[in-house]
């Protein structure tokens, strides 16, 4: 498990398997892309994405209560087995 870190490099988790990411930020001056490419069995929780193409060619991906800005173009290309859970509107207001 990786928690409370910031990543801005390209392909930070390329080819990673069986990993949980919690409370992390994908943002920064290096403006990397494809943080998760060709990964398998990844869980992302309560994280922030502000870099291009965060998920490419991924399998069995769970994204829970995370935010992606408009800079995350083509955020889920060529991936399968994706489950996304978001907070409901009332939770977001508080």
N, C-alpha and C. Protein backbone atom coordinates (compact mmCIF):
# COMPACT_ATOMS: atom_id res chain seq x y z
N UNK A 1 0.84 -1.18 0.00
CA UNK A 1 0.00 0.00 0.00
C UNK A 1 0.89 1.25 0.00
N UNK A 2 0.45 2.21 -0.79
CA UNK A 2 1.14 3.51 -0.84
C UNK A 2 0.14 4.57 -0.41
N UNK A 3 0.53 5.41 0.55
CA UNK A 3 -0.37 6.42 1.09
C UNK A 3 0.30 7.78 1.17
N UNK A 4 -0.53 8.83 0.98
CA UNK A 4 -0.14 10.21 1.26
C UNK A 4 1.12 10.66 0.53
N UNK A 5 1.20 10.37 -0.73
CA UNK A 5 2.37 10.77 -1.54
C UNK A 5 1.89 11.55 -2.76
N UNK A 6 2.81 12.29 -3.39
CA UNK A 6 2.52 13.00 -4.63
C UNK A 6 3.44 12.46 -5.72
N UNK A 7 2.86 12.25 -6.89
CA UNK A 7 3.59 11.73 -8.04
C UNK A 7 3.34 12.64 -9.24
N UNK A 8 4.41 13.01 -9.94
CA UNK A 8 4.23 13.79 -11.16
C UNK A 8 5.02 13.23 -12.33
N UNK A 9 5.76 12.14 -12.10
CA UNK A 9 6.57 11.58 -13.17
C UNK A 9 5.73 10.71 -14.11
N UNK A 10 6.22 10.54 -15.31
CA UNK A 10 5.56 9.72 -16.32
C UNK A 10 5.63 8.24 -15.93
N UNK A 11 4.50 7.56 -16.09
CA UNK A 11 4.39 6.12 -15.85
C UNK A 11 4.89 5.71 -14.47
N UNK A 12 4.46 6.43 -13.47
CA UNK A 12 4.90 6.20 -12.09
C UNK A 12 4.69 4.75 -11.63
N UNK A 13 3.62 4.12 -12.09
CA UNK A 13 3.33 2.76 -11.66
C UNK A 13 3.19 1.81 -12.85
N UNK A 14 4.00 2.00 -13.84
CA UNK A 14 3.96 1.17 -15.05
C UNK A 14 4.14 -0.32 -14.71
N UNK A 15 3.21 -1.14 -15.18
CA UNK A 15 3.32 -2.58 -15.02
C UNK A 15 3.10 -3.11 -13.61
N UNK A 16 2.64 -2.28 -12.71
CA UNK A 16 2.44 -2.67 -11.32
C UNK A 16 1.25 -3.61 -11.19
N UNK A 17 1.33 -4.54 -10.23
CA UNK A 17 0.24 -5.48 -9.95
C UNK A 17 -0.05 -5.50 -8.46
N UNK A 18 -1.34 -5.71 -8.15
CA UNK A 18 -1.77 -5.93 -6.77
C UNK A 18 -1.32 -4.82 -5.82
N UNK A 19 -1.82 -3.61 -6.07
CA UNK A 19 -1.40 -2.45 -5.28
C UNK A 19 -2.60 -1.60 -4.91
N UNK A 20 -2.57 -1.04 -3.70
CA UNK A 20 -3.57 -0.07 -3.25
C UNK A 20 -2.89 1.27 -3.05
N UNK A 21 -3.52 2.31 -3.60
CA UNK A 21 -3.05 3.69 -3.50
C UNK A 21 -4.10 4.47 -2.72
N UNK A 22 -3.72 5.13 -1.62
CA UNK A 22 -4.68 5.88 -0.81
C UNK A 22 -4.18 7.30 -0.56
N UNK A 23 -5.09 8.25 -0.70
CA UNK A 23 -4.81 9.65 -0.36
C UNK A 23 -3.57 10.20 -1.07
N UNK A 24 -3.43 9.87 -2.34
CA UNK A 24 -2.28 10.34 -3.11
C UNK A 24 -2.71 11.38 -4.13
N UNK A 25 -1.74 12.14 -4.60
CA UNK A 25 -1.97 13.17 -5.60
C UNK A 25 -1.09 12.91 -6.81
N UNK A 26 -1.70 12.99 -7.97
CA UNK A 26 -0.97 12.85 -9.23
C UNK A 26 -1.03 14.21 -9.91
N UNK A 27 -0.02 15.01 -9.60
CA UNK A 27 -0.02 16.41 -9.97
C UNK A 27 1.40 16.93 -9.77
N UNK A 28 1.79 17.95 -10.54
CA UNK A 28 3.09 18.54 -10.27
C UNK A 28 3.81 19.04 -11.50
N UNK A 29 4.99 19.61 -11.31
CA UNK A 29 5.70 20.33 -12.36
C UNK A 29 6.21 19.45 -13.50
N UNK A 30 6.47 18.18 -13.25
CA UNK A 30 6.98 17.34 -14.34
C UNK A 30 5.89 16.96 -15.34
N UNK A 31 4.63 17.13 -14.94
CA UNK A 31 3.48 16.93 -15.84
C UNK A 31 3.51 15.56 -16.53
N UNK A 32 3.85 14.52 -15.78
CA UNK A 32 3.92 13.18 -16.34
C UNK A 32 2.55 12.67 -16.79
N UNK A 33 2.58 11.68 -17.63
CA UNK A 33 1.33 11.08 -18.11
C UNK A 33 1.37 9.58 -17.88
N UNK A 34 0.22 8.96 -18.05
CA UNK A 34 0.06 7.51 -17.94
C UNK A 34 0.64 6.96 -16.63
N UNK A 35 0.20 7.51 -15.51
CA UNK A 35 0.70 7.06 -14.21
C UNK A 35 0.48 5.57 -14.01
N UNK A 36 -0.68 5.07 -14.43
CA UNK A 36 -0.98 3.64 -14.35
C UNK A 36 -1.13 3.11 -15.76
N UNK A 37 -0.14 2.42 -16.24
CA UNK A 37 -0.19 1.86 -17.59
C UNK A 37 0.20 0.39 -17.51
N UNK A 38 -0.63 -0.44 -18.13
CA UNK A 38 -0.41 -1.89 -18.16
C UNK A 38 -0.31 -2.46 -16.75
N UNK A 39 -1.25 -2.05 -15.89
CA UNK A 39 -1.29 -2.55 -14.52
C UNK A 39 -2.39 -3.58 -14.37
N UNK A 40 -2.39 -4.25 -13.22
CA UNK A 40 -3.40 -5.27 -12.94
C UNK A 40 -3.71 -5.28 -11.45
N UNK A 41 -5.00 -5.35 -11.13
CA UNK A 41 -5.47 -5.43 -9.74
C UNK A 41 -5.02 -4.23 -8.91
N UNK A 42 -5.43 -3.05 -9.36
CA UNK A 42 -5.07 -1.79 -8.69
C UNK A 42 -6.33 -1.21 -8.03
N UNK A 43 -6.18 -0.75 -6.80
CA UNK A 43 -7.24 -0.04 -6.08
C UNK A 43 -6.72 1.36 -5.77
N UNK A 44 -7.50 2.38 -6.15
CA UNK A 44 -7.15 3.77 -5.88
C UNK A 44 -8.27 4.37 -5.03
N UNK A 45 -7.91 4.94 -3.89
CA UNK A 45 -8.91 5.51 -2.99
C UNK A 45 -8.53 6.93 -2.59
N UNK A 46 -9.53 7.80 -2.58
CA UNK A 46 -9.38 9.17 -2.08
C UNK A 46 -8.15 9.86 -2.66
N UNK A 47 -7.99 9.78 -3.96
CA UNK A 47 -6.81 10.38 -4.60
C UNK A 47 -7.22 11.44 -5.60
N UNK A 48 -6.26 12.24 -5.99
CA UNK A 48 -6.48 13.40 -6.87
C UNK A 48 -5.61 13.24 -8.12
N UNK A 49 -6.24 13.41 -9.28
CA UNK A 49 -5.54 13.27 -10.56
C UNK A 49 -5.65 14.57 -11.35
N UNK A 50 -4.50 15.12 -11.72
CA UNK A 50 -4.46 16.35 -12.51
C UNK A 50 -3.38 16.24 -13.59
N UNK A 51 -3.14 15.03 -14.07
CA UNK A 51 -2.16 14.78 -15.13
C UNK A 51 -2.83 14.00 -16.26
N UNK A 52 -2.25 14.06 -17.43
CA UNK A 52 -2.85 13.45 -18.62
C UNK A 52 -2.85 11.92 -18.58
N UNK A 53 -3.90 11.35 -19.13
CA UNK A 53 -4.03 9.91 -19.37
C UNK A 53 -3.70 9.05 -18.15
N UNK A 54 -4.37 9.20 -17.04
CA UNK A 54 -3.97 8.49 -15.82
C UNK A 54 -4.02 6.96 -15.91
N UNK A 55 -4.99 6.40 -16.62
CA UNK A 55 -5.13 4.95 -16.67
C UNK A 55 -5.19 4.47 -18.12
N UNK A 56 -4.20 3.67 -18.52
CA UNK A 56 -4.13 3.13 -19.89
C UNK A 56 -3.81 1.64 -19.83
N UNK A 57 -4.57 0.85 -20.55
CA UNK A 57 -4.30 -0.59 -20.68
C UNK A 57 -4.24 -1.28 -19.31
N UNK A 58 -5.18 -0.94 -18.43
CA UNK A 58 -5.20 -1.51 -17.09
C UNK A 58 -6.30 -2.57 -16.99
N UNK A 59 -6.10 -3.54 -16.11
CA UNK A 59 -7.04 -4.64 -15.92
C UNK A 59 -7.39 -4.76 -14.44
N UNK A 60 -8.69 -4.88 -14.17
CA UNK A 60 -9.19 -5.01 -12.80
C UNK A 60 -8.79 -3.81 -11.95
N UNK A 61 -9.39 -2.70 -12.29
CA UNK A 61 -9.09 -1.41 -11.67
C UNK A 61 -10.28 -0.94 -10.85
N UNK A 62 -10.04 -0.53 -9.60
CA UNK A 62 -11.08 0.04 -8.76
C UNK A 62 -10.65 1.45 -8.37
N UNK A 63 -11.54 2.41 -8.64
CA UNK A 63 -11.28 3.81 -8.30
C UNK A 63 -12.40 4.25 -7.36
N UNK A 64 -12.04 4.56 -6.13
CA UNK A 64 -13.03 4.91 -5.11
C UNK A 64 -12.82 6.33 -4.61
N UNK A 65 -13.87 7.13 -4.65
CA UNK A 65 -13.89 8.47 -4.06
C UNK A 65 -12.66 9.30 -4.45
N UNK A 66 -12.37 9.35 -5.71
CA UNK A 66 -11.21 10.10 -6.22
C UNK A 66 -11.68 11.16 -7.21
N UNK A 67 -10.83 12.14 -7.45
CA UNK A 67 -11.16 13.24 -8.36
C UNK A 67 -10.20 13.27 -9.54
N UNK A 68 -10.78 13.52 -10.73
CA UNK A 68 -9.98 13.73 -11.94
C UNK A 68 -10.39 15.07 -12.54
N UNK A 69 -9.41 15.91 -12.79
CA UNK A 69 -9.70 17.21 -13.39
C UNK A 69 -9.87 17.08 -14.90
N UNK A 70 -10.19 18.20 -15.54
CA UNK A 70 -10.35 18.21 -17.00
C UNK A 70 -9.03 17.94 -17.72
N UNK A 71 -7.91 18.05 -17.05
CA UNK A 71 -6.62 17.73 -17.68
C UNK A 71 -6.42 16.24 -17.90
N UNK A 72 -7.24 15.42 -17.27
CA UNK A 72 -7.15 13.96 -17.41
C UNK A 72 -7.86 13.48 -18.67
N UNK A 73 -7.42 13.98 -19.81
CA UNK A 73 -8.03 13.57 -21.06
C UNK A 73 -7.81 12.08 -21.27
N UNK A 74 -8.77 11.43 -21.89
CA UNK A 74 -8.68 10.00 -22.18
C UNK A 74 -8.26 9.23 -20.92
N UNK A 75 -8.98 9.42 -19.85
CA UNK A 75 -8.57 8.92 -18.54
C UNK A 75 -8.56 7.40 -18.41
N UNK A 76 -9.36 6.69 -19.18
CA UNK A 76 -9.49 5.24 -18.99
C UNK A 76 -9.33 4.46 -20.29
N UNK A 77 -8.43 4.79 -21.12
CA UNK A 77 -8.30 4.16 -22.44
C UNK A 77 -7.83 2.73 -22.35
N UNK A 78 -8.46 1.89 -23.15
CA UNK A 78 -8.05 0.50 -23.35
C UNK A 78 -7.97 -0.31 -22.06
N UNK A 79 -8.74 0.05 -21.08
CA UNK A 79 -8.76 -0.67 -19.81
C UNK A 79 -10.03 -1.51 -19.72
N UNK A 80 -10.00 -2.55 -18.87
CA UNK A 80 -11.21 -3.36 -18.67
C UNK A 80 -11.31 -3.77 -17.21
N UNK A 81 -12.51 -4.21 -16.84
CA UNK A 81 -12.75 -4.59 -15.46
C UNK A 81 -12.64 -3.42 -14.51
N UNK A 82 -13.28 -2.29 -14.88
CA UNK A 82 -13.17 -1.05 -14.10
C UNK A 82 -14.41 -0.87 -13.22
N UNK A 83 -14.19 -0.56 -11.96
CA UNK A 83 -15.26 -0.22 -11.04
C UNK A 83 -14.95 1.16 -10.46
N UNK A 84 -15.92 2.07 -10.57
CA UNK A 84 -15.73 3.44 -10.06
C UNK A 84 -16.83 3.74 -9.06
N UNK A 85 -16.44 4.19 -7.86
CA UNK A 85 -17.40 4.61 -6.85
C UNK A 85 -17.11 6.06 -6.51
N UNK A 86 -18.16 6.86 -6.46
CA UNK A 86 -18.00 8.26 -6.11
C UNK A 86 -18.84 8.57 -4.87
N UNK A 87 -18.52 9.67 -4.23
CA UNK A 87 -19.32 10.12 -3.11
C UNK A 87 -20.62 10.66 -3.64
N UNK A 88 -21.67 10.55 -2.84
CA UNK A 88 -22.93 11.13 -3.29
C UNK A 88 -22.89 12.64 -3.14
N UNK A 89 -23.83 13.31 -3.76
CA UNK A 89 -23.85 14.76 -3.81
C UNK A 89 -23.84 15.40 -2.42
N UNK A 90 -24.60 14.85 -1.48
CA UNK A 90 -24.68 15.44 -0.15
C UNK A 90 -23.33 15.33 0.57
N UNK A 91 -22.59 14.24 0.36
CA UNK A 91 -21.28 14.12 0.96
C UNK A 91 -20.32 15.15 0.39
N UNK A 92 -20.43 15.43 -0.90
CA UNK A 92 -19.54 16.38 -1.55
C UNK A 92 -19.78 17.81 -1.05
N UNK A 93 -21.00 18.15 -0.67
CA UNK A 93 -21.32 19.51 -0.22
C UNK A 93 -20.70 19.80 1.16
N UNK A 94 -20.41 18.81 1.93
CA UNK A 94 -19.90 19.03 3.29
C UNK A 94 -18.43 18.95 3.38
